[in-house]
Amino acid sequence: MLPIGLQILKQLPKQNFRSENLSFEMEEIGIVIVGGGIAGLATSIALHRKGIKSVVLERAEKVRSEGAGIGTLSNGWRALDQLGVGDRLRLNSSLIHKILIYGPFLDMNRARTMLIENGKKREFVSNIVDEARCIKRNDLVEALSDALPKGTIRFGSHIVSIEQDKTTLFPVVHLANGNSIKAKVLIGCDGANSIVSDYLQLNPKKAFACRAVRGFTKYPNGHGFPQEVLRIKQGNVLIGRLPLTDNQVFWFLVHMQDNNHNGKDQESIANLCRKWADDLSEDWKEMVKICNVESLTLTHLRYRAPSEIMLGKFRRGTVTVAGDAMHVMGPFLAQGGSAALEDAVVLARCLARKVGPDHGDLLKDCSMKNIEEAIDEYVDERRMRLLGLSVQTYLTGRSLQTSSKVLRLMFIALLLLLFGRDQIRHTRYDCGRL
């Protein structure tokens, strides 16, 4: 039995008493994923489907279901099908409109963008081949968590620091309750404010000078809107809607210059939305007015700079990141969630080639070199894909945000130069099979 003094010290957080003269037991786990959001759960499922066990450390006390809807394009659905949850999610989301083009029916999704300046309207229509739907974030997170073996997610796990073990060079995670975990592989899926990305010494995220609100509106007698993505830019306000079902619409509202509101509670966020939508047409104002106030989320839009995506070091030892921790981006292409799902599939595939299930849950016989090679393959495969999304999202956001016609034309010219007239080519990306 330890002396009473050491027993007391052992109950305190480790950062308060860590010393080379004290040695307490430390849990060892093969693969630890930090964050139980979309990226973390998807990565754990992908590994599980490859026969590799992982543990997800989630700070919250239950599965986080906050957030409104996630526009998911065809590349995201390919990843969801690889994760085995696509069919379940399709049951509660409507396919975007079929339209007739030159005679034959094609499964096409239509996205319209309308710019209104000085009373003049300009409309741009993009046709997206394959599949596009809006998913409730709650439905997606629940589907992902239900697909994991019981006990995979450890709730109430608040990470306070990460360090490298001086002997083995593997990462050690220190929790707020004083426990520590030594991992063979550490994957940060802990969002834009990632403690794992800080450990990787990535540069801080940058911020757009705007905030966005997302929410749902229910129409008991049906909304009557076409099954299409519609975005309208009027003055400093960008608003968009995407039907979820015949009776429910997901919408977003962005003010390009108003960056001073924190939204202390749901009602204050709702009032802010009504203010922003005041100059819009009656159907938009009504949609905002009768929304489900509890569904509203206010977000300060941030992004990782394209230069950081191109040059950033996304591996340190056997530690890496995925999802927003790696590539947080604005919502202007509706690719943030889908890109995180792609990350999960690619990372699990790369790890499985090097550290497959034959190595056991603790990966005891797996060398650091093999793990590092697997992570490098993952980073190399994802870098150019993410760079394209990052650049296109940034330029699109800046073209919508600026009030200068000259700058807007410059951003549009750059978009055409880099991505051609087919500005939705990113939806046809295929992350491949697990």
Protein backbone atom coordinates (compact mmCIF):
# COMPACT_ATOMS: atom_id res chain seq x y z
CA MET A 1 0.00 0.00 0.00
CA LEU A 2 1.24 3.49 -0.87
CA PRO A 3 1.93 5.90 2.01
CA ILE A 4 -1.01 8.18 2.77
CA GLY A 5 0.78 11.19 1.24
CA LEU A 6 1.23 9.43 -2.08
CA GLN A 7 -2.36 8.22 -1.99
CA ILE A 8 -3.50 11.84 -1.75
CA LEU A 9 -1.17 12.91 -4.54
CA LYS A 10 -2.41 10.13 -6.75
CA GLN A 11 -5.94 11.53 -6.50
CA LEU A 12 -4.83 14.94 -7.76
CA PRO A 13 -4.50 15.84 -11.48
CA LYS A 14 -1.18 14.55 -12.76
CA GLN A 15 0.01 17.94 -13.96
CA ASN A 16 0.08 19.07 -10.32
CA PHE A 17 2.50 16.42 -9.07
CA ARG A 18 4.28 14.86 -12.02
CA SER A 19 7.82 13.96 -10.99
CA GLU A 20 10.50 11.56 -12.05
CA ASN A 21 10.52 10.21 -8.48
CA LEU A 22 6.87 9.14 -8.67
CA SER A 23 5.62 6.33 -10.88
CA PHE A 24 1.94 5.47 -11.10
CA GLU A 25 0.14 2.96 -13.28
CA MET A 26 -0.76 4.16 -16.75
CA GLU A 27 -3.33 2.63 -19.10
CA GLU A 28 -2.04 1.50 -22.50
CA ILE A 29 -4.28 1.56 -25.57
CA GLY A 30 -3.44 0.83 -29.18
CA ILE A 31 -5.39 3.58 -30.95
CA VAL A 32 -6.91 6.57 -29.18
CA ILE A 33 -9.21 8.98 -30.97
CA VAL A 34 -9.79 12.36 -29.34
CA GLY A 35 -13.29 13.70 -29.99
CA GLY A 36 -16.63 11.97 -30.40
CA GLY A 37 -18.02 14.15 -33.18
CA ILE A 38 -18.50 13.19 -36.81
CA ALA A 39 -14.81 12.76 -37.66
CA GLY A 40 -13.97 10.82 -34.49
CA LEU A 41 -16.90 8.43 -34.68
CA ALA A 42 -16.44 7.88 -38.42
CA THR A 43 -12.74 7.11 -37.95
CA SER A 44 -13.50 4.62 -35.19
CA ILE A 45 -16.13 2.89 -37.34
CA ALA A 46 -13.77 2.73 -40.31
CA LEU A 47 -11.10 1.10 -38.13
CA HIS A 48 -13.67 -1.26 -36.62
CA ARG A 49 -14.77 -2.38 -40.10
CA LYS A 50 -11.11 -3.19 -40.81
CA GLY A 51 -10.95 -5.29 -37.63
CA ILE A 52 -8.94 -2.73 -35.66
CA LYS A 53 -10.05 -1.66 -32.19
CA SER A 54 -9.94 1.96 -31.04
CA VAL A 55 -11.10 4.02 -28.07
CA VAL A 56 -12.85 7.37 -28.50
CA LEU A 57 -12.32 9.97 -25.76
CA GLU A 58 -15.26 12.37 -25.65
CA ARG A 59 -15.34 15.35 -23.32
CA ALA A 60 -19.16 15.51 -23.11
CA GLU A 61 -21.20 13.20 -20.91
CA LYS A 62 -23.20 11.86 -23.86
CA VAL A 63 -23.15 11.82 -27.65
CA ARG A 64 -23.04 15.42 -28.83
CA SER A 65 -26.10 16.14 -30.94
CA GLU A 66 -26.01 19.93 -31.16
CA GLY A 67 -26.05 21.48 -34.59
CA ALA A 68 -28.61 21.67 -37.34
CA GLY A 69 -28.18 20.07 -40.75
CA ILE A 70 -25.29 18.92 -42.86
CA GLY A 71 -25.51 19.23 -46.62
CA THR A 72 -24.02 16.00 -47.91
CA LEU A 73 -23.04 15.71 -51.55
CA SER A 74 -22.27 12.62 -53.59
CA ASN A 75 -18.68 12.28 -52.36
CA GLY A 76 -19.93 12.26 -48.77
CA TRP A 77 -22.47 9.55 -49.53
CA ARG A 78 -19.75 7.37 -51.04
CA ALA A 79 -17.86 7.62 -47.74
CA LEU A 80 -21.03 6.94 -45.69
CA ASP A 81 -21.67 3.80 -47.75
CA GLN A 82 -18.13 2.61 -47.00
CA LEU A 83 -18.86 3.17 -43.30
CA GLY A 84 -22.04 1.11 -43.58
CA VAL A 85 -24.51 3.80 -42.46
CA GLY A 86 -25.61 5.33 -45.77
CA ASP A 87 -28.83 3.35 -46.18
CA ARG A 88 -30.02 4.16 -42.66
CA LEU A 89 -29.48 7.89 -43.19
CA ARG A 90 -31.26 7.90 -46.55
CA LEU A 91 -34.49 6.89 -44.81
CA ASN A 92 -34.81 10.31 -43.18
CA SER A 93 -33.57 12.60 -45.94
CA SER A 94 -35.01 13.45 -49.34
CA LEU A 95 -33.04 13.30 -52.56
CA ILE A 96 -32.75 16.70 -54.17
CA HIS A 97 -35.01 17.37 -57.17
CA LYS A 98 -34.98 15.38 -60.42
CA ILE A 99 -35.07 17.68 -63.41
CA LEU A 100 -35.61 17.17 -67.11
CA ILE A 101 -32.73 18.11 -69.42
CA TYR A 102 -33.06 17.76 -73.22
CA GLY A 103 -35.62 14.98 -72.99
CA PRO A 104 -34.30 12.10 -70.87
CA PHE A 105 -34.73 12.09 -67.10
CA LEU A 106 -31.47 12.22 -65.23
CA ASP A 107 -30.89 11.97 -61.50
CA MET A 108 -29.68 15.51 -61.06
CA ASN A 109 -29.48 17.80 -58.08
CA ARG A 110 -29.89 21.49 -58.66
CA ALA A 111 -28.14 24.24 -56.77
CA ARG A 112 -29.18 27.84 -57.45
CA THR A 113 -27.33 30.93 -56.34
CA MET A 114 -29.05 34.30 -56.71
CA LEU A 115 -27.27 37.64 -56.26
CA ILE A 116 -29.47 40.70 -55.67
CA GLU A 117 -27.74 44.07 -56.00
CA ASN A 118 -29.49 47.40 -56.40
CA GLY A 119 -32.73 45.62 -57.20
CA LYS A 120 -31.12 43.59 -60.03
CA LYS A 121 -31.12 39.78 -59.89
CA ARG A 122 -28.46 37.47 -61.30
CA GLU A 123 -28.97 33.72 -61.06
CA PHE A 124 -26.43 30.89 -61.37
CA VAL A 125 -27.57 27.25 -61.62
CA SER A 126 -25.34 24.24 -61.00
CA ASN A 127 -26.46 20.70 -61.79
CA ILE A 128 -24.92 18.03 -59.58
CA VAL A 129 -24.94 14.52 -60.95
CA ASP A 130 -25.56 11.67 -58.47
CA GLU A 131 -26.70 12.27 -54.92
CA ALA A 132 -27.18 15.24 -52.62
CA ARG A 133 -29.22 15.30 -49.43
CA CYS A 134 -29.40 17.17 -46.18
CA ILE A 135 -28.87 15.12 -43.01
CA LYS A 136 -29.77 16.13 -39.50
CA ARG A 137 -26.58 16.19 -37.49
CA ASN A 138 -28.39 14.29 -34.72
CA ASP A 139 -29.26 11.49 -37.15
CA LEU A 140 -25.71 11.26 -38.46
CA VAL A 141 -24.06 11.18 -35.03
CA GLU A 142 -26.56 8.62 -33.72
CA ALA A 143 -26.08 6.38 -36.75
CA LEU A 144 -22.31 6.51 -36.33
CA SER A 145 -22.36 5.89 -32.57
CA ASP A 146 -24.86 3.02 -32.90
CA ALA A 147 -22.50 1.29 -35.34
CA LEU A 148 -19.68 1.14 -32.78
CA PRO A 149 -19.13 -1.71 -30.30
CA LYS A 150 -20.34 -0.95 -26.80
CA GLY A 151 -17.69 0.70 -24.66
CA THR A 152 -15.79 2.25 -27.57
CA ILE A 153 -16.73 5.80 -26.53
CA ARG A 154 -15.54 7.01 -23.14
CA PHE A 155 -17.64 9.97 -22.12
CA GLY A 156 -16.48 12.63 -19.68
CA SER A 157 -12.87 12.32 -20.86
CA HIS A 158 -11.45 15.84 -20.70
CA ILE A 159 -7.89 15.99 -22.05
CA VAL A 160 -5.66 18.61 -20.43
CA SER A 161 -2.31 17.87 -22.06
CA ILE A 162 -0.37 15.60 -24.39
CA GLU A 163 3.29 14.73 -24.14
CA GLN A 164 5.73 12.29 -25.67
CA ASP A 165 6.95 9.39 -23.54
CA LYS A 166 10.69 9.88 -23.14
CA THR A 167 11.43 6.16 -23.37
CA THR A 168 9.08 4.81 -26.05
CA LEU A 169 8.44 8.12 -27.88
CA PHE A 170 4.72 7.26 -28.10
CA PRO A 171 2.16 9.90 -27.05
CA VAL A 172 0.78 10.11 -23.53
CA VAL A 173 -2.61 11.74 -22.94
CA HIS A 174 -3.31 13.30 -19.52
CA LEU A 175 -6.94 13.64 -18.44
CA ALA A 176 -8.51 16.13 -16.06
CA ASN A 177 -9.36 13.35 -13.59
CA GLY A 178 -5.67 12.56 -13.14
CA ASN A 179 -5.63 9.43 -15.32
CA SER A 180 -3.15 9.01 -18.14
CA ILE A 181 -3.25 6.94 -21.31
CA LYS A 182 -0.28 5.87 -23.39
CA ALA A 183 -1.31 5.30 -27.01
CA LYS A 184 0.46 3.70 -29.92
CA VAL A 185 -1.58 5.92 -32.27
CA LEU A 186 -3.28 9.20 -31.33
CA ILE A 187 -5.78 10.74 -33.75
CA GLY A 188 -7.13 14.21 -33.05
CA CYS A 189 -10.72 14.65 -34.18
CA ASP A 190 -11.42 17.34 -31.61
CA GLY A 191 -12.63 20.13 -33.86
CA ALA A 192 -11.44 23.62 -34.64
CA ASN A 193 -10.11 24.19 -31.11
CA SER A 194 -8.08 21.00 -31.21
CA ILE A 195 -5.60 20.29 -28.43
CA VAL A 196 -4.06 17.65 -30.70
CA SER A 197 -3.41 20.16 -33.50
CA ASP A 198 -1.72 22.35 -30.88
CA TYR A 199 0.51 19.39 -30.02
CA LEU A 200 1.37 19.12 -33.72
CA GLN A 201 2.30 22.82 -33.55
CA LEU A 202 -0.02 23.78 -36.40
CA ASN A 203 -0.65 27.47 -36.89
CA PRO A 204 -3.80 29.00 -35.38
CA LYS A 205 -6.95 29.00 -37.47
CA LYS A 206 -8.00 32.19 -39.22
CA ALA A 207 -11.45 33.77 -39.09
CA PHE A 208 -13.82 35.13 -41.70
CA ALA A 209 -15.28 38.47 -40.64
CA CYS A 210 -18.76 36.97 -40.41
CA ARG A 211 -20.95 34.66 -38.40
CA ALA A 212 -23.46 32.06 -39.48
CA VAL A 213 -26.68 30.74 -37.99
CA ARG A 214 -28.11 27.37 -38.93
CA GLY A 215 -31.56 26.06 -38.10
CA PHE A 216 -34.65 24.05 -39.05
CA THR A 217 -38.16 25.17 -39.89
CA LYS A 218 -41.10 22.77 -39.87
CA TYR A 219 -44.14 23.23 -42.12
CA PRO A 220 -46.93 20.91 -40.88
CA ASN A 221 -48.85 21.24 -44.16
CA GLY A 222 -45.77 21.00 -46.37
CA HIS A 223 -43.36 23.72 -47.46
CA GLY A 224 -43.96 23.50 -51.21
CA PHE A 225 -40.38 24.43 -52.05
CA PRO A 226 -38.60 22.74 -54.98
CA GLN A 227 -36.15 20.00 -54.01
CA GLU A 228 -33.13 22.16 -54.68
CA VAL A 229 -30.39 24.00 -52.90
CA LEU A 230 -31.13 27.71 -53.11
CA ARG A 231 -28.76 30.46 -51.94
CA ILE A 232 -29.54 34.17 -52.11
CA LYS A 233 -27.00 36.93 -51.55
CA GLN A 234 -28.63 40.29 -50.89
CA GLY A 235 -26.47 43.10 -49.59
CA ASN A 236 -24.42 41.76 -46.70
CA VAL A 237 -26.74 38.80 -46.09
CA LEU A 238 -26.32 35.32 -47.54
CA ILE A 239 -29.21 32.96 -46.87
CA GLY A 240 -29.82 29.46 -48.16
CA ARG A 241 -32.26 26.60 -47.77
CA LEU A 242 -32.28 22.90 -48.47
CA PRO A 243 -35.40 20.76 -47.98
CA LEU A 244 -34.86 17.87 -45.59
CA THR A 245 -38.28 16.30 -46.10
CA ASP A 246 -41.60 17.50 -47.53
CA ASN A 247 -42.35 19.16 -44.20
CA GLN A 248 -38.97 20.33 -42.94
CA VAL A 249 -36.32 22.70 -44.28
CA PHE A 250 -32.73 23.20 -43.19
CA TRP A 251 -31.50 26.75 -43.66
CA PHE A 252 -28.49 28.93 -42.97
CA LEU A 253 -28.08 32.67 -42.62
CA VAL A 254 -24.76 34.50 -42.83
CA HIS A 255 -24.13 38.21 -42.27
CA MET A 256 -20.93 39.15 -44.04
CA GLN A 257 -20.12 42.20 -41.88
CA ASP A 258 -21.91 41.75 -38.54
CA ASN A 259 -19.34 40.05 -36.31
CA ASN A 260 -20.24 41.50 -32.93
CA HIS A 261 -23.00 39.22 -31.65
CA ASN A 262 -22.26 36.26 -29.39
CA GLY A 263 -25.80 34.90 -29.05
CA LYS A 264 -26.13 34.50 -25.30
CA ASP A 265 -29.20 32.25 -25.57
CA GLN A 266 -31.48 30.72 -28.20
CA GLU A 267 -33.95 33.58 -28.19
CA SER A 268 -31.21 36.17 -28.75
CA ILE A 269 -29.96 34.14 -31.72
CA ALA A 270 -33.52 34.02 -33.11
CA ASN A 271 -33.86 37.79 -32.73
CA LEU A 272 -30.54 38.26 -34.51
CA CYS A 273 -31.78 36.13 -37.42
CA ARG A 274 -34.99 38.14 -37.70
CA LYS A 275 -32.90 41.32 -37.81
CA TRP A 276 -30.61 39.96 -40.53
CA ALA A 277 -33.58 38.71 -42.60
CA ASP A 278 -35.58 41.92 -42.31
CA ASP A 279 -34.90 43.06 -45.90
CA LEU A 280 -35.54 39.67 -47.50
CA SER A 281 -38.75 38.56 -49.21
CA GLU A 282 -41.72 37.40 -47.14
CA ASP A 283 -41.19 33.65 -47.63
CA TRP A 284 -37.64 33.90 -46.26
CA LYS A 285 -38.72 36.09 -43.35
CA GLU A 286 -41.52 33.68 -42.53
CA MET A 287 -39.12 30.72 -42.62
CA VAL A 288 -36.87 32.42 -40.10
CA LYS A 289 -39.77 33.67 -37.95
CA ILE A 290 -41.44 30.27 -37.43
CA CYS A 291 -38.21 28.26 -37.08
CA ASN A 292 -37.48 25.81 -34.29
CA VAL A 293 -35.63 28.16 -31.96
CA GLU A 294 -33.97 25.28 -30.10
CA SER A 295 -32.34 24.09 -33.33
CA LEU A 296 -30.44 27.35 -33.91
CA THR A 297 -26.66 27.40 -33.71
CA LEU A 298 -24.46 30.49 -34.06
CA THR A 299 -20.96 29.94 -35.42
CA HIS A 300 -17.99 32.21 -35.97
CA LEU A 301 -16.72 31.04 -39.35
CA ARG A 302 -13.08 29.97 -39.27
CA TYR A 303 -10.72 28.25 -41.64
CA ARG A 304 -7.27 26.77 -41.86
CA ALA A 305 -5.29 28.78 -44.37
CA PRO A 306 -4.66 27.03 -47.72
CA SER A 307 -0.93 27.60 -47.20
CA GLU A 308 -1.12 25.61 -43.95
CA ILE A 309 -2.96 22.79 -45.73
CA MET A 310 -0.21 22.71 -48.34
CA LEU A 311 2.79 23.00 -46.02
CA GLY A 312 1.56 22.01 -42.54
CA LYS A 313 3.06 19.01 -40.74
CA PHE A 314 0.10 16.80 -39.92
CA ARG A 315 2.14 14.09 -38.22
CA ARG A 316 4.33 14.19 -35.16
CA GLY A 317 5.56 10.76 -34.25
CA THR A 318 2.43 8.61 -34.29
CA VAL A 319 0.03 11.50 -33.77
CA THR A 320 -2.17 12.98 -36.50
CA VAL A 321 -5.47 14.80 -36.99
CA ALA A 322 -8.65 14.51 -39.07
CA GLY A 323 -11.82 16.50 -39.67
CA ASP A 324 -12.00 20.13 -38.55
CA ALA A 325 -8.87 19.66 -36.43
CA MET A 326 -7.04 19.20 -39.71
CA HIS A 327 -8.91 21.35 -42.22
CA VAL A 328 -11.69 23.49 -40.73
CA MET A 329 -13.21 25.44 -43.62
CA GLY A 330 -16.08 27.78 -44.32
CA PRO A 331 -19.51 26.39 -45.28
CA PHE A 332 -19.51 27.85 -48.79
CA LEU A 333 -19.00 24.50 -50.59
CA ALA A 334 -20.90 22.39 -48.04
CA GLN A 335 -17.92 20.02 -47.87
CA GLY A 336 -16.72 20.22 -44.25
CA GLY A 337 -18.66 17.19 -43.04
CA SER A 338 -18.08 15.13 -46.17
CA ALA A 339 -14.35 15.84 -46.08
CA ALA A 340 -14.23 14.52 -42.50
CA LEU A 341 -15.94 11.31 -43.61
CA GLU A 342 -13.40 10.96 -46.42
CA ASP A 343 -10.59 11.42 -43.88
CA ALA A 344 -11.96 8.53 -41.82
CA VAL A 345 -12.05 6.11 -44.75
CA VAL A 346 -8.57 7.01 -46.04
CA LEU A 347 -6.92 6.99 -42.59
CA ALA A 348 -8.37 3.60 -41.66
CA ARG A 349 -7.35 2.14 -45.01
CA CYS A 350 -3.77 3.39 -44.64
CA LEU A 351 -3.46 2.18 -41.04
CA ALA A 352 -4.93 -1.22 -41.89
CA ARG A 353 -2.23 -1.82 -44.48
CA LYS A 354 0.47 -1.37 -41.83
CA VAL A 355 -1.10 -2.24 -38.46
CA GLY A 356 -3.90 -4.68 -39.34
CA PRO A 357 -5.88 -6.74 -36.79
CA ASP A 358 -3.13 -9.36 -36.54
CA HIS A 359 -1.23 -7.01 -34.21
CA GLY A 360 -3.88 -7.19 -31.47
CA ASP A 361 -5.76 -4.42 -29.67
CA LEU A 362 -2.60 -2.89 -28.16
CA LEU A 363 -0.57 -3.08 -31.40
CA LYS A 364 2.29 -4.50 -29.33
CA ASP A 365 4.15 -5.99 -32.27
CA CYS A 366 3.64 -2.98 -34.51
CA SER A 367 6.69 -0.77 -34.92
CA MET A 368 6.64 3.00 -34.72
CA LYS A 369 8.11 3.08 -38.22
CA ASN A 370 5.12 1.21 -39.68
CA ILE A 371 2.65 3.53 -37.95
CA GLU A 372 4.49 6.62 -39.11
CA GLU A 373 4.57 5.32 -42.68
CA ALA A 374 0.81 4.69 -42.54
CA ILE A 375 0.10 8.20 -41.29
CA ASP A 376 2.39 9.71 -43.93
CA GLU A 377 0.47 7.83 -46.63
CA TYR A 378 -2.78 9.21 -45.21
CA VAL A 379 -1.49 12.78 -45.13
CA ASP A 380 -0.05 12.53 -48.64
CA GLU A 381 -3.32 11.18 -50.04
CA ARG A 382 -5.45 13.81 -48.34
CA ARG A 383 -3.26 16.89 -48.79
CA MET A 384 -4.02 17.78 -52.42
CA ARG A 385 -7.71 16.95 -52.07
CA LEU A 386 -7.97 19.20 -49.02
CA LEU A 387 -5.89 21.93 -50.63
CA GLY A 388 -8.35 22.13 -53.52
CA LEU A 389 -11.35 22.30 -51.19
CA SER A 390 -9.62 24.85 -48.98
CA VAL A 391 -8.67 27.19 -51.82
CA GLN A 392 -12.07 26.95 -53.50
CA THR A 393 -13.92 27.50 -50.22
CA TYR A 394 -11.75 30.48 -49.34
CA LEU A 395 -12.15 32.18 -52.73
CA THR A 396 -15.90 31.51 -52.80
CA GLY A 397 -16.31 32.95 -49.32
CA ARG A 398 -14.25 36.01 -50.14
CA SER A 399 -16.19 36.64 -53.36
CA LEU A 400 -19.45 36.58 -51.40
CA GLN A 401 -18.09 38.64 -48.52
CA THR A 402 -16.47 41.56 -50.34
CA SER A 403 -18.45 44.68 -51.19
CA SER A 404 -15.94 45.64 -53.88
CA LYS A 405 -16.99 44.72 -57.41
CA VAL A 406 -13.35 44.74 -58.49
CA LEU A 407 -12.31 42.29 -55.77
CA ARG A 408 -15.32 40.10 -56.46
CA LEU A 409 -14.41 39.88 -60.13
CA MET A 410 -10.84 39.05 -59.14
CA PHE A 411 -11.95 36.20 -56.86
CA ILE A 412 -14.33 34.87 -59.52
CA ALA A 413 -11.55 35.02 -62.12
CA LEU A 414 -9.27 33.05 -59.81
CA LEU A 415 -12.00 30.45 -59.27
CA LEU A 416 -12.43 30.06 -63.02
CA LEU A 417 -8.68 29.93 -63.60
CA LEU A 418 -8.08 27.27 -60.92
CA PHE A 419 -11.24 25.17 -61.16
CA GLY A 420 -12.68 25.94 -64.59
CA ARG A 421 -16.36 26.42 -65.33
CA ASP A 422 -17.19 23.18 -63.54
CA GLN A 423 -17.23 24.60 -60.02
CA ILE A 424 -18.87 21.47 -58.54
CA ARG A 425 -16.27 18.99 -59.71
CA HIS A 426 -15.34 18.45 -56.05
CA THR A 427 -18.58 16.47 -55.56
CA ARG A 428 -17.39 13.72 -57.91
CA TYR A 429 -14.38 12.83 -55.78
CA ASP A 430 -14.27 9.20 -54.62
CA CYS A 431 -12.29 8.42 -51.44
CA GLY A 432 -12.18 4.75 -52.46
CA ARG A 433 -12.98 1.54 -50.65
CA LEU A 434 -12.03 0.75 -47.11
